[in-house]
Amino acid sequence: MFISTNDLPEEYASLQEGVREFANDVVDPVAYEHYKNHTFPYDIVKQMGEMGLFGLPFPEEYGGQDGDYFALGLALEELARVDQSVAMTLEAGVGLGAMPIYQFGNEEQKQKWLPDLAAGRALAGFGLTEPDAGSDAGATRTTAVEDGDEWVINGNKQFITNSGTDITKLVTVTAVTGTRDNGKKEITTIVVPNGTPGFDVQPSYDKVGWNSSDTHPLAFNDVRVPLENQLGERGRGFSNFLSTLSEGRVAIAAVATGAAQGCVDESVRYAKERNSMGRAISEYQAISFKIARMEARAHAARTAWYDAAAKMLAGKPFAREASIAKMLSSEAAMDNARDATQIHGGYGFMNEYRVGRHYRDSKILEVGEGTTEVQLMLIARGLGM
């Protein structure tokens, strides 16, 4: 399967255009207020649900749109041009929240949880990262012990997106459930509904960026859930989440590409309007060349995530391509945000301007869902090193 960056099939192009209009007409006018006040955009999320964005890659039988992951990526890129927080709410809600239920859940679990998640009426979190287990997810310390017909969970998770909103329904967590014959930890995934006694969603973080995205640390103190809340096979939790992360890297690459392109768009507009010494600054080669490099980065990032998505949809191995896309796009977003801020001068340092928000937001793209260093390690492994 080949997907051209310049000639999308009609159904994809129509989706892209619709989400772009929504981002410009609905998201952008309220983005700064949510950013300034650190408020979650419930009305935006509701409208995205009504548009079917949360259900893009899921079958109609579970309330989805019967689309695919590439369609989701297109929506994420368009949203991230304007507001990374909104894009990440969608990315985490689908790729990290609902997708594990769809991929690894049994039919009863899918019927129970997916319709609300696919409609955007509910959100779910992805509980992997811990205070001492980030890139090294195998260092998980959260435990789950069988007691009769229940799992008893104890431990902590951190940096969990969509875990504390008014519409969050569950968090899927990784927990150590035993020891393998080789001495390594047996890790299993378990669904914990919000409101379960002992499950404490702690106060949200004071973040550098992504101010209107919901992120919390979580604590589990003798949390009891039925054994039937186990998601997938016992002991397959770690490998299942690695699969989820590979797909998530394609999605996060689309978000980062949108951020990189958003910086280009704003810089072109500003450079044509801003005059210095009697000329629009776009006429100065120092500015035009800087923006040209920004466009090249955005194009390379888009080509990379399109390629990874195409391999994924074709059922081919794509983990290396996902890591390449994630690394290239996140670096493009950060580099473009820095250059866009420089082009905008003092205005670029103001949060009222998109580029100011992109400058604050983009750094985490090089960290979340696998740091740049982790991506380099995975790419090297893919080369047999």
Protein backbone atom coordinates (compact mmCIF):
# COMPACT_ATOMS: atom_id res chain seq x y z
CA MET A 1 0.00 0.00 0.00
CA PHE A 2 1.39 3.40 -1.01
CA ILE A 3 -0.04 6.66 0.28
CA SER A 4 1.05 9.83 -1.47
CA THR A 5 1.43 13.02 0.52
CA ASN A 6 0.16 15.00 -2.47
CA ASP A 7 -2.71 12.87 -3.76
CA LEU A 8 -4.89 11.39 -1.03
CA PRO A 9 -7.84 9.16 -1.95
CA GLU A 10 -11.12 11.06 -1.86
CA GLU A 11 -12.39 9.64 1.43
CA TYR A 12 -9.16 10.58 3.20
CA ALA A 13 -9.00 14.01 1.58
CA SER A 14 -12.58 14.73 2.64
CA LEU A 15 -11.84 13.74 6.24
CA GLN A 16 -8.69 15.87 6.24
CA GLU A 17 -10.55 18.91 4.95
CA GLY A 18 -13.38 18.50 7.44
CA VAL A 19 -11.06 18.21 10.43
CA ARG A 20 -8.99 21.16 9.22
CA GLU A 21 -12.12 23.32 9.10
CA PHE A 22 -13.14 22.12 12.55
CA ALA A 23 -9.68 22.90 13.92
CA ASN A 24 -9.64 26.40 12.46
CA ASP A 25 -13.27 27.34 13.14
CA VAL A 26 -14.00 25.59 16.45
CA VAL A 27 -10.77 24.60 18.21
CA ASP A 28 -8.59 27.63 17.48
CA PRO A 29 -10.94 30.34 18.85
CA VAL A 30 -10.97 28.76 22.33
CA ALA A 31 -7.51 27.16 22.42
CA TYR A 32 -5.74 29.99 24.20
CA GLU A 33 -8.37 30.34 26.94
CA HIS A 34 -8.18 26.64 27.74
CA TYR A 35 -4.39 26.82 27.62
CA LYS A 36 -4.23 29.84 29.92
CA ASN A 37 -6.72 28.45 32.42
CA HIS A 38 -5.54 24.84 32.29
CA THR A 39 -9.10 23.69 31.57
CA PHE A 40 -10.14 20.52 29.77
CA PRO A 41 -12.09 21.23 26.54
CA TYR A 42 -15.18 19.11 27.20
CA ASP A 43 -17.25 20.80 24.50
CA ILE A 44 -14.53 20.23 21.90
CA VAL A 45 -14.27 16.57 22.90
CA LYS A 46 -18.04 16.20 22.63
CA GLN A 47 -18.03 17.65 19.14
CA MET A 48 -15.13 15.42 18.09
CA GLY A 49 -17.16 12.48 19.32
CA GLU A 50 -20.17 13.59 17.31
CA MET A 51 -17.92 13.87 14.24
CA GLY A 52 -16.88 10.25 14.76
CA LEU A 53 -13.20 11.01 15.33
CA PHE A 54 -12.88 8.78 18.41
CA GLY A 55 -14.34 5.89 16.44
CA LEU A 56 -12.29 6.25 13.25
CA PRO A 57 -10.32 2.96 13.39
CA PHE A 58 -13.03 0.78 14.98
CA PRO A 59 -15.71 -1.38 13.33
CA GLU A 60 -19.30 -0.19 13.19
CA GLU A 61 -20.40 -3.08 15.39
CA TYR A 62 -18.62 -1.38 18.31
CA GLY A 63 -19.83 2.12 17.47
CA GLY A 64 -16.91 3.00 15.24
CA GLN A 65 -16.58 4.50 11.78
CA ASP A 66 -15.10 1.39 10.14
CA GLY A 67 -12.05 3.40 9.09
CA ASP A 68 -8.37 2.82 9.81
CA TYR A 69 -5.34 4.13 11.65
CA PHE A 70 -4.26 6.31 8.73
CA ALA A 71 -7.56 8.19 8.92
CA LEU A 72 -6.91 8.76 12.61
CA GLY A 73 -3.44 10.07 11.81
CA LEU A 74 -4.83 12.58 9.33
CA ALA A 75 -7.26 13.88 11.95
CA LEU A 76 -4.49 14.14 14.53
CA GLU A 77 -2.21 16.07 12.20
CA GLU A 78 -4.88 18.64 11.39
CA LEU A 79 -5.81 19.15 15.05
CA ALA A 80 -2.18 19.44 16.15
CA ARG A 81 -1.53 22.29 13.72
CA VAL A 82 -3.79 24.38 15.94
CA ASP A 83 -3.75 22.78 19.41
CA GLN A 84 -1.55 19.90 20.52
CA SER A 85 -3.57 19.37 23.71
CA VAL A 86 -6.74 18.59 21.78
CA ALA A 87 -4.82 16.35 19.39
CA MET A 88 -3.30 14.43 22.30
CA THR A 89 -6.68 13.98 23.93
CA LEU A 90 -7.82 12.23 20.76
CA GLU A 91 -4.55 10.33 20.26
CA ALA A 92 -4.49 8.96 23.79
CA GLY A 93 -8.23 8.37 23.86
CA VAL A 94 -8.08 6.17 20.77
CA GLY A 95 -4.56 4.76 20.52
CA LEU A 96 -3.84 4.25 24.21
CA GLY A 97 -7.29 4.10 25.77
CA ALA A 98 -9.66 2.28 23.45
CA MET A 99 -7.28 0.38 21.16
CA PRO A 100 -6.05 -2.11 23.83
CA ILE A 101 -9.69 -2.97 24.58
CA TYR A 102 -10.33 -3.57 20.89
CA GLN A 103 -7.14 -5.52 20.19
CA PHE A 104 -6.83 -7.63 23.31
CA GLY A 105 -10.25 -7.63 24.94
CA ASN A 106 -12.77 -10.45 24.71
CA GLU A 107 -16.15 -9.92 23.09
CA GLU A 108 -17.85 -9.08 26.38
CA GLN A 109 -15.24 -6.44 27.21
CA LYS A 110 -15.50 -4.91 23.75
CA GLN A 111 -19.28 -4.70 23.94
CA LYS A 112 -19.10 -3.22 27.44
CA TRP A 113 -16.51 -0.50 26.89
CA LEU A 114 -15.95 0.29 23.22
CA PRO A 115 -19.27 1.92 22.19
CA ASP A 116 -18.87 4.79 24.67
CA LEU A 117 -15.13 5.13 23.95
CA ALA A 118 -15.66 5.13 20.19
CA ALA A 119 -18.37 7.78 20.51
CA GLY A 120 -16.25 10.08 22.68
CA ARG A 121 -18.81 9.82 25.49
CA ALA A 122 -16.10 8.25 27.64
CA LEU A 123 -12.31 8.28 27.81
CA ALA A 124 -9.81 5.68 28.97
CA GLY A 125 -6.23 5.89 30.21
CA PHE A 126 -3.17 3.76 29.50
CA GLY A 127 -1.43 2.95 32.79
CA LEU A 128 2.11 1.90 31.90
CA THR A 129 4.60 4.48 33.19
CA GLU A 130 5.63 4.43 36.87
CA PRO A 131 7.97 6.56 39.01
CA ASP A 132 10.78 4.04 38.35
CA ALA A 133 9.54 2.46 35.13
CA GLY A 134 9.42 4.73 32.10
CA SER A 135 11.49 3.70 29.11
CA ASP A 136 12.30 0.52 31.05
CA ALA A 137 8.71 -0.70 31.30
CA GLY A 138 10.02 -4.09 32.42
CA ALA A 139 10.86 -2.43 35.75
CA THR A 140 7.14 -2.30 36.60
CA ARG A 141 6.50 -2.55 40.35
CA THR A 142 2.72 -2.36 40.47
CA THR A 143 1.44 -5.79 41.50
CA ALA A 144 -1.80 -7.70 41.09
CA VAL A 145 -2.44 -10.75 43.27
CA GLU A 146 -5.29 -13.22 42.87
CA ASP A 147 -7.62 -13.43 45.86
CA GLY A 148 -10.59 -15.66 45.16
CA ASP A 149 -12.35 -14.29 42.10
CA GLU A 150 -10.62 -10.91 42.27
CA TRP A 151 -7.36 -9.19 41.45
CA VAL A 152 -5.92 -7.07 44.27
CA ILE A 153 -3.80 -4.28 42.80
CA ASN A 154 -1.19 -2.16 44.58
CA GLY A 155 1.19 0.38 43.10
CA ASN A 156 1.53 3.72 41.35
CA LYS A 157 1.40 5.06 37.82
CA GLN A 158 2.40 8.48 36.57
CA PHE A 159 1.95 10.81 33.57
CA ILE A 160 -1.32 9.10 32.61
CA THR A 161 -3.30 11.01 29.97
CA ASN A 162 -7.12 11.20 30.10
CA SER A 163 -7.14 9.54 33.52
CA GLY A 164 -8.95 12.17 35.57
CA THR A 165 -11.63 13.82 33.45
CA ASP A 166 -15.31 13.81 34.32
CA ILE A 167 -15.89 11.35 31.48
CA THR A 168 -12.99 8.97 32.19
CA LYS A 169 -14.42 5.49 32.64
CA LEU A 170 -11.37 3.26 33.08
CA VAL A 171 -7.64 2.88 33.08
CA THR A 172 -5.91 -0.22 31.75
CA VAL A 173 -2.85 -0.93 33.88
CA THR A 174 0.16 -3.20 33.64
CA ALA A 175 0.88 -5.15 36.81
CA VAL A 176 3.28 -7.86 37.91
CA THR A 177 1.24 -11.02 38.44
CA GLY A 178 4.05 -13.52 39.04
CA THR A 179 7.49 -14.70 37.98
CA ARG A 180 8.34 -16.61 34.81
CA ASP A 181 10.47 -19.74 34.73
CA ASN A 182 13.41 -17.63 33.56
CA GLY A 183 13.10 -15.40 36.61
CA LYS A 184 11.67 -12.42 34.76
CA LYS A 185 8.48 -10.68 35.78
CA GLU A 186 5.15 -11.90 34.48
CA ILE A 187 3.21 -8.78 33.50
CA THR A 188 -0.53 -8.77 32.87
CA THR A 189 -2.91 -6.02 31.84
CA ILE A 190 -6.02 -5.36 33.89
CA VAL A 191 -8.93 -2.94 33.44
CA VAL A 192 -9.66 -0.77 36.47
CA PRO A 193 -12.90 1.25 36.24
CA ASN A 194 -12.82 4.77 37.67
CA GLY A 195 -14.49 4.96 41.06
CA THR A 196 -13.21 1.56 42.20
CA PRO A 197 -12.41 1.75 45.95
CA GLY A 198 -8.70 2.27 46.56
CA PHE A 199 -8.12 3.71 43.07
CA ASP A 200 -6.96 7.28 43.69
CA VAL A 201 -6.65 9.76 40.82
CA GLN A 202 -4.26 12.28 42.32
CA PRO A 203 -4.12 16.03 41.53
CA SER A 204 -3.13 16.92 37.98
CA TYR A 205 0.41 17.97 37.12
CA ASP A 206 1.57 21.55 36.65
CA LYS A 207 3.07 20.95 33.22
CA VAL A 208 5.30 23.04 30.99
CA GLY A 209 2.93 22.51 28.07
CA TRP A 210 -0.14 20.60 26.87
CA ASN A 211 -2.00 22.67 29.46
CA SER A 212 -5.51 21.64 28.44
CA SER A 213 -4.66 17.95 28.21
CA ASP A 214 -5.61 15.89 31.27
CA THR A 215 -2.64 14.18 32.99
CA HIS A 216 -2.48 12.65 36.49
CA PRO A 217 -0.50 10.35 38.74
CA LEU A 218 -2.52 7.36 39.94
CA ALA A 219 -2.34 5.30 43.14
CA PHE A 220 -3.71 1.81 43.70
CA ASN A 221 -4.17 0.72 47.31
CA ASP A 222 -5.69 -2.77 47.63
CA VAL A 223 -7.84 -2.09 44.57
CA ARG A 224 -10.13 -5.05 43.93
CA VAL A 225 -11.50 -5.83 40.48
CA PRO A 226 -12.96 -9.09 39.13
CA LEU A 227 -10.60 -11.58 37.51
CA GLU A 228 -12.69 -11.10 34.38
CA ASN A 229 -11.19 -7.57 34.10
CA GLN A 230 -7.96 -9.15 32.91
CA LEU A 231 -7.31 -7.85 29.40
CA GLY A 232 -5.82 -10.47 27.11
CA GLU A 233 -3.77 -13.47 28.17
CA ARG A 234 -2.10 -13.58 31.54
CA GLY A 235 1.57 -12.75 31.20
CA ARG A 236 1.14 -11.12 27.78
CA GLY A 237 0.72 -7.63 29.15
CA PHE A 238 4.20 -6.42 28.38
CA SER A 239 4.22 -7.63 24.77
CA ASN A 240 0.68 -6.34 24.24
CA PHE A 241 1.63 -2.89 25.43
CA LEU A 242 4.75 -2.90 23.24
CA SER A 243 2.45 -3.52 20.28
CA THR A 244 0.19 -0.70 21.42
CA LEU A 245 3.18 1.61 21.72
CA SER A 246 4.38 0.82 18.20
CA GLU A 247 1.01 1.85 16.81
CA GLY A 248 0.94 4.82 19.15
CA ARG A 249 4.24 6.04 17.73
CA VAL A 250 2.66 6.34 14.31
CA ALA A 251 -0.11 8.43 15.88
CA ILE A 252 2.25 10.60 17.89
CA ALA A 253 4.30 11.14 14.73
CA ALA A 254 1.17 12.48 13.05
CA VAL A 255 0.64 14.85 15.99
CA ALA A 256 4.25 16.03 15.81
CA THR A 257 3.98 16.53 12.05
CA GLY A 258 0.92 18.68 12.58
CA ALA A 259 2.80 20.77 15.13
CA ALA A 260 5.72 21.18 12.72
CA GLN A 261 3.40 22.20 9.88
CA GLY A 262 1.48 24.57 12.12
CA CYS A 263 4.71 26.42 12.83
CA VAL A 264 5.37 26.68 9.08
CA ASP A 265 1.88 28.00 8.35
CA GLU A 266 2.04 30.62 11.09
CA SER A 267 5.54 31.71 10.09
CA VAL A 268 4.59 32.15 6.43
CA ARG A 269 1.57 34.22 7.40
CA TYR A 270 3.49 36.36 9.87
CA ALA A 271 6.49 36.88 7.58
CA LYS A 272 4.23 38.23 4.83
CA GLU A 273 2.47 40.62 7.22
CA ARG A 274 5.39 41.81 9.32
CA ASN A 275 7.37 44.75 7.91
CA SER A 276 10.88 45.71 8.86
CA MET A 277 12.82 48.57 7.31
CA GLY A 278 10.14 49.08 4.71
CA ARG A 279 9.85 45.49 3.51
CA ALA A 280 7.91 42.38 4.52
CA ILE A 281 10.37 40.17 6.39
CA SER A 282 9.46 37.32 4.00
CA GLU A 283 11.54 39.18 1.42
CA TYR A 284 14.70 38.74 3.47
CA GLN A 285 16.60 35.60 2.54
CA ALA A 286 17.49 34.84 6.16
CA ILE A 287 13.78 34.51 6.94
CA SER A 288 12.65 32.77 3.74
CA PHE A 289 15.44 30.19 3.95
CA LYS A 290 14.61 29.48 7.60
CA ILE A 291 10.97 28.85 6.68
CA ALA A 292 12.03 26.72 3.71
CA ARG A 293 13.99 24.47 6.07
CA MET A 294 10.96 24.27 8.34
CA GLU A 295 8.79 23.16 5.42
CA ALA A 296 11.36 20.52 4.47
CA ARG A 297 11.29 19.12 8.01
CA ALA A 298 7.50 18.97 8.06
CA HIS A 299 7.42 17.25 4.67
CA ALA A 300 10.00 14.66 5.74
CA ALA A 301 8.05 13.99 8.94
CA ARG A 302 4.82 13.53 7.02
CA THR A 303 6.44 11.19 4.53
CA ALA A 304 7.84 9.11 7.40
CA TRP A 305 4.56 8.66 9.27
CA TYR A 306 2.66 7.97 6.03
CA ASP A 307 5.19 5.23 5.26
CA ALA A 308 4.88 3.68 8.73
CA ALA A 309 1.08 3.82 8.55
CA ALA A 310 1.05 2.21 5.10
CA LYS A 311 3.16 -0.72 6.31
CA MET A 312 0.99 -1.13 9.38
CA LEU A 313 -2.22 -1.18 7.34
CA ALA A 314 -0.68 -3.68 4.90
CA GLY A 315 0.09 -6.04 7.78
CA LYS A 316 3.84 -5.72 7.29
CA PRO A 317 6.42 -5.21 10.06
CA PHE A 318 6.46 -1.51 10.85
CA ALA A 319 8.09 -1.05 14.26
CA ARG A 320 11.33 0.35 12.80
CA GLU A 321 9.45 2.72 10.51
CA ALA A 322 7.27 3.83 13.46
CA SER A 323 10.39 4.66 15.47
CA ILE A 324 11.91 6.56 12.54
CA ALA A 325 8.68 8.52 12.08
CA LYS A 326 8.39 9.28 15.77
CA MET A 327 11.99 10.49 16.04
CA LEU A 328 11.99 12.57 12.84
CA SER A 329 8.65 14.21 13.47
CA SER A 330 9.24 15.06 17.11
CA GLU A 331 12.58 16.65 16.27
CA ALA A 332 10.93 18.52 13.39
CA ALA A 333 8.26 19.84 15.73
CA MET A 334 10.81 21.07 18.27
CA ASP A 335 13.15 22.57 15.66
CA ASN A 336 10.29 24.28 13.83
CA ALA A 337 8.86 25.66 17.07
CA ARG A 338 12.23 27.17 17.92
CA ASP A 339 12.62 28.71 14.46
CA ALA A 340 9.02 29.96 14.39
CA THR A 341 9.51 31.64 17.75
CA GLN A 342 12.66 33.34 16.42
CA ILE A 343 10.80 34.56 13.33
CA HIS A 344 7.97 35.97 15.44
CA GLY A 345 10.38 37.78 17.75
CA GLY A 346 8.81 38.95 21.00
CA TYR A 347 5.35 37.85 19.83
CA GLY A 348 6.61 34.29 19.59
CA PHE A 349 7.23 34.29 23.33
CA MET A 350 3.56 35.02 24.05
CA ASN A 351 1.13 32.19 24.70
CA GLU A 352 -1.59 34.04 22.79
CA TYR A 353 0.31 33.08 19.63
CA ARG A 354 0.15 29.51 18.38
CA VAL A 355 3.92 29.37 17.94
CA GLY A 356 4.44 30.28 21.59
CA ARG A 357 2.23 27.37 22.62
CA HIS A 358 3.96 25.06 20.13
CA TYR A 359 7.31 26.04 21.63
CA ARG A 360 6.16 24.95 25.08
CA ASP A 361 4.25 21.91 23.86
CA SER A 362 6.67 20.36 21.43
CA LYS A 363 9.45 19.30 23.79
CA ILE A 364 7.37 16.50 25.29
CA LEU A 365 6.99 15.01 21.79
CA GLU A 366 10.67 14.03 22.04
CA VAL A 367 10.00 12.30 25.36
CA GLY A 368 6.52 10.80 25.54
CA GLU A 369 5.72 7.33 24.15
CA GLY A 370 9.42 6.54 23.93
CA THR A 371 12.24 9.05 24.09
CA THR A 372 14.42 9.91 21.11
CA GLU A 373 17.13 7.74 22.65
CA VAL A 374 14.76 4.77 22.83
CA GLN A 375 13.80 5.27 19.18
CA LEU A 376 17.48 5.28 18.18
CA MET A 377 17.99 2.06 20.14
CA LEU A 378 15.01 0.42 18.40
CA ILE A 379 16.14 1.59 14.95
CA ALA A 380 19.63 0.20 15.61
CA ARG A 381 18.14 -3.11 16.72
CA GLY A 382 16.11 -3.18 13.53
CA LEU A 383 19.40 -3.00 11.65
CA GLY A 384 20.69 -6.02 13.56
CA MET A 385 22.96 -4.09 15.92
